[in-house]
Amino acid sequence: MWPATVPDSLDAVKKHDPARQPQADPQTPDVTQASRRQIRSSELFGDQREVLIEHAGEIYSLRHTSKGKLILTK
């Protein structure tokens, strides 16, 4: 359901605009980024369109679609 009133200005929208948020200092390491491993999809898929991933005893399929999207299914 839509709100009953609409703000007169875009001030409320601008407050939540990520582009207007302060940027992190490039000299300060980003702890969340440093603690996560990043893998290029080309390294993961090679010349294939699908890889199988075992997780917690289950097999998942990760597919690279013709439109460039990734689909993970169980």
N, C-alpha and C. Protein backbone atom coordinates (compact mmCIF):
# COMPACT_ATOMS: atom_id res chain seq x y z
N MET A 1 0.85 -1.17 0.00
CA MET A 1 0.00 0.00 0.00
C MET A 1 0.89 1.24 0.00
N TRP A 2 0.54 2.24 -0.79
CA TRP A 2 1.32 3.47 -0.90
C TRP A 2 1.05 4.36 0.30
N PRO A 3 2.02 5.16 0.69
CA PRO A 3 1.79 6.09 1.80
C PRO A 3 0.73 7.12 1.42
N ALA A 4 0.02 7.59 2.43
CA ALA A 4 -1.06 8.56 2.20
C ALA A 4 -0.52 9.90 1.76
N THR A 5 0.71 10.26 2.18
CA THR A 5 1.27 11.55 1.79
C THR A 5 2.60 11.36 1.08
N VAL A 6 2.92 12.29 0.25
CA VAL A 6 4.17 12.28 -0.48
C VAL A 6 4.96 13.51 -0.06
N PRO A 7 6.28 13.36 0.26
CA PRO A 7 7.05 14.53 0.68
C PRO A 7 7.11 15.58 -0.42
N ASP A 8 7.15 16.85 -0.01
CA ASP A 8 7.20 17.96 -0.96
C ASP A 8 8.54 18.03 -1.69
N SER A 9 9.59 17.48 -1.10
CA SER A 9 10.90 17.53 -1.73
C SER A 9 11.51 16.14 -1.74
N LEU A 10 12.64 16.06 -2.37
CA LEU A 10 13.35 14.79 -2.43
C LEU A 10 14.37 14.65 -1.31
N ASP A 11 14.30 15.49 -0.29
CA ASP A 11 15.26 15.43 0.81
C ASP A 11 15.29 14.05 1.47
N ALA A 12 14.13 13.44 1.66
CA ALA A 12 14.08 12.13 2.30
C ALA A 12 14.78 11.09 1.44
N VAL A 13 14.64 11.19 0.13
CA VAL A 13 15.28 10.25 -0.79
C VAL A 13 16.78 10.48 -0.82
N LYS A 14 17.20 11.74 -0.84
CA LYS A 14 18.62 12.07 -0.92
C LYS A 14 19.39 11.56 0.29
N LYS A 15 18.76 11.52 1.47
CA LYS A 15 19.45 11.05 2.67
C LYS A 15 19.89 9.60 2.53
N HIS A 16 19.17 8.81 1.74
CA HIS A 16 19.46 7.39 1.61
C HIS A 16 20.18 7.06 0.31
N ASP A 17 20.64 8.06 -0.41
CA ASP A 17 21.35 7.85 -1.66
C ASP A 17 22.78 7.41 -1.35
N PRO A 18 23.16 6.15 -1.73
CA PRO A 18 24.52 5.67 -1.42
C PRO A 18 25.61 6.54 -2.03
N ALA A 19 25.33 7.19 -3.15
CA ALA A 19 26.35 8.03 -3.78
C ALA A 19 26.67 9.25 -2.93
N ARG A 20 25.76 9.63 -2.04
CA ARG A 20 25.96 10.81 -1.20
C ARG A 20 26.60 10.46 0.14
N GLN A 21 26.83 9.18 0.40
CA GLN A 21 27.44 8.75 1.65
C GLN A 21 28.94 9.01 1.62
N PRO A 22 29.56 9.29 2.77
CA PRO A 22 31.00 9.52 2.79
C PRO A 22 31.75 8.26 2.36
N GLN A 23 32.82 8.47 1.64
CA GLN A 23 33.63 7.36 1.15
C GLN A 23 34.69 7.00 2.18
N ALA A 24 35.06 5.71 2.21
CA ALA A 24 36.08 5.24 3.13
C ALA A 24 37.45 5.76 2.70
N ASP A 25 38.31 5.96 3.65
CA ASP A 25 39.68 6.39 3.38
C ASP A 25 40.42 5.27 2.67
N PRO A 26 40.97 5.51 1.46
CA PRO A 26 41.64 4.44 0.73
C PRO A 26 42.88 3.89 1.46
N GLN A 27 43.42 4.64 2.41
CA GLN A 27 44.59 4.18 3.15
C GLN A 27 44.20 3.21 4.27
N THR A 28 42.92 3.20 4.66
CA THR A 28 42.46 2.34 5.74
C THR A 28 41.93 1.04 5.14
N PRO A 29 42.49 -0.12 5.54
CA PRO A 29 42.02 -1.38 4.96
C PRO A 29 40.57 -1.67 5.35
N ASP A 30 39.81 -2.18 4.41
CA ASP A 30 38.42 -2.56 4.65
C ASP A 30 38.43 -3.97 5.23
N VAL A 31 38.11 -4.10 6.50
CA VAL A 31 38.18 -5.38 7.19
C VAL A 31 37.26 -6.40 6.54
N THR A 32 36.04 -6.00 6.18
CA THR A 32 35.10 -6.95 5.59
C THR A 32 35.60 -7.45 4.24
N GLN A 33 36.18 -6.59 3.44
CA GLN A 33 36.70 -7.00 2.14
C GLN A 33 37.94 -7.86 2.31
N ALA A 34 38.80 -7.55 3.26
CA ALA A 34 40.03 -8.30 3.45
C ALA A 34 39.75 -9.70 3.97
N SER A 35 38.66 -9.90 4.68
CA SER A 35 38.38 -11.21 5.26
C SER A 35 37.61 -12.13 4.31
N ARG A 36 37.22 -11.64 3.15
CA ARG A 36 36.48 -12.46 2.19
C ARG A 36 37.35 -12.78 0.99
N ARG A 37 37.25 -14.01 0.52
CA ARG A 37 38.02 -14.44 -0.64
C ARG A 37 37.24 -14.09 -1.90
N GLN A 38 37.89 -13.52 -2.88
CA GLN A 38 37.24 -13.14 -4.13
C GLN A 38 37.80 -13.99 -5.26
N ILE A 39 36.90 -14.58 -6.06
CA ILE A 39 37.29 -15.43 -7.18
C ILE A 39 36.59 -14.91 -8.42
N ARG A 40 37.33 -14.76 -9.49
CA ARG A 40 36.72 -14.36 -10.77
C ARG A 40 35.88 -15.52 -11.30
N SER A 41 34.73 -15.20 -11.84
CA SER A 41 33.87 -16.27 -12.37
C SER A 41 34.56 -17.04 -13.48
N SER A 42 35.42 -16.38 -14.26
CA SER A 42 36.14 -17.07 -15.33
C SER A 42 37.09 -18.13 -14.77
N GLU A 43 37.64 -17.88 -13.57
CA GLU A 43 38.49 -18.88 -12.92
C GLU A 43 37.65 -20.04 -12.40
N LEU A 44 36.46 -19.74 -11.93
CA LEU A 44 35.58 -20.76 -11.38
C LEU A 44 34.99 -21.65 -12.48
N PHE A 45 34.53 -21.05 -13.57
CA PHE A 45 33.87 -21.79 -14.63
C PHE A 45 34.82 -22.33 -15.69
N GLY A 46 35.96 -21.65 -15.91
CA GLY A 46 36.83 -22.07 -17.02
C GLY A 46 36.08 -21.92 -18.32
N ASP A 47 36.03 -22.98 -19.12
CA ASP A 47 35.29 -22.92 -20.38
C ASP A 47 33.93 -23.60 -20.26
N GLN A 48 33.49 -23.88 -19.05
CA GLN A 48 32.20 -24.53 -18.80
C GLN A 48 31.14 -23.48 -18.47
N ARG A 49 29.87 -23.88 -18.54
CA ARG A 49 28.76 -22.99 -18.19
C ARG A 49 28.16 -23.34 -16.82
N GLU A 50 28.63 -24.47 -16.24
CA GLU A 50 28.06 -24.93 -14.97
C GLU A 50 29.14 -25.58 -14.13
N VAL A 51 29.07 -25.34 -12.81
CA VAL A 51 29.95 -26.02 -11.86
C VAL A 51 29.07 -26.60 -10.75
N LEU A 52 29.54 -27.70 -10.17
CA LEU A 52 28.84 -28.30 -9.05
C LEU A 52 29.60 -27.96 -7.78
N ILE A 53 28.85 -27.59 -6.75
CA ILE A 53 29.45 -27.18 -5.48
C ILE A 53 28.88 -28.07 -4.38
N GLU A 54 29.76 -28.70 -3.62
CA GLU A 54 29.32 -29.50 -2.47
C GLU A 54 29.37 -28.61 -1.24
N HIS A 55 28.24 -28.57 -0.52
CA HIS A 55 28.15 -27.76 0.69
C HIS A 55 27.28 -28.50 1.70
N ALA A 56 27.83 -28.76 2.86
CA ALA A 56 27.11 -29.42 3.96
C ALA A 56 26.45 -30.72 3.51
N GLY A 57 27.19 -31.48 2.70
CA GLY A 57 26.69 -32.78 2.26
C GLY A 57 25.69 -32.71 1.12
N GLU A 58 25.42 -31.54 0.60
CA GLU A 58 24.48 -31.36 -0.52
C GLU A 58 25.24 -30.87 -1.74
N ILE A 59 24.71 -31.19 -2.92
CA ILE A 59 25.31 -30.75 -4.18
C ILE A 59 24.45 -29.64 -4.76
N TYR A 60 25.09 -28.53 -5.10
CA TYR A 60 24.42 -27.38 -5.71
C TYR A 60 25.01 -27.17 -7.11
N SER A 61 24.20 -26.64 -7.99
CA SER A 61 24.63 -26.32 -9.34
C SER A 61 24.68 -24.79 -9.49
N LEU A 62 25.80 -24.29 -9.95
CA LEU A 62 25.94 -22.86 -10.25
C LEU A 62 26.09 -22.73 -11.75
N ARG A 63 25.10 -22.09 -12.39
CA ARG A 63 25.10 -21.95 -13.84
C ARG A 63 25.33 -20.50 -14.25
N HIS A 64 26.07 -20.35 -15.33
CA HIS A 64 26.30 -19.04 -15.96
C HIS A 64 25.39 -18.99 -17.18
N THR A 65 24.39 -18.10 -17.15
CA THR A 65 23.41 -18.06 -18.23
C THR A 65 23.97 -17.31 -19.45
N SER A 66 23.26 -17.45 -20.56
CA SER A 66 23.66 -16.77 -21.79
C SER A 66 23.52 -15.25 -21.67
N LYS A 67 22.74 -14.79 -20.67
CA LYS A 67 22.58 -13.35 -20.45
C LYS A 67 23.55 -12.81 -19.41
N GLY A 68 24.49 -13.68 -18.96
CA GLY A 68 25.52 -13.22 -18.03
C GLY A 68 25.14 -13.29 -16.56
N LYS A 69 24.01 -13.90 -16.24
CA LYS A 69 23.57 -14.02 -14.85
C LYS A 69 24.09 -15.33 -14.26
N LEU A 70 24.10 -15.39 -12.92
CA LEU A 70 24.47 -16.62 -12.23
C LEU A 70 23.24 -17.16 -11.52
N ILE A 71 23.00 -18.48 -11.66
CA ILE A 71 21.85 -19.11 -11.02
C ILE A 71 22.37 -20.28 -10.19
N LEU A 72 22.05 -20.24 -8.87
CA LEU A 72 22.43 -21.31 -7.96
C LEU A 72 21.18 -22.12 -7.63
N THR A 73 21.24 -23.44 -7.87
CA THR A 73 20.09 -24.31 -7.55
C THR A 73 20.59 -25.52 -6.78
N LYS A 74 19.68 -26.09 -6.02
CA LYS A 74 20.00 -27.28 -5.24
C LYS A 74 19.64 -28.51 -6.03
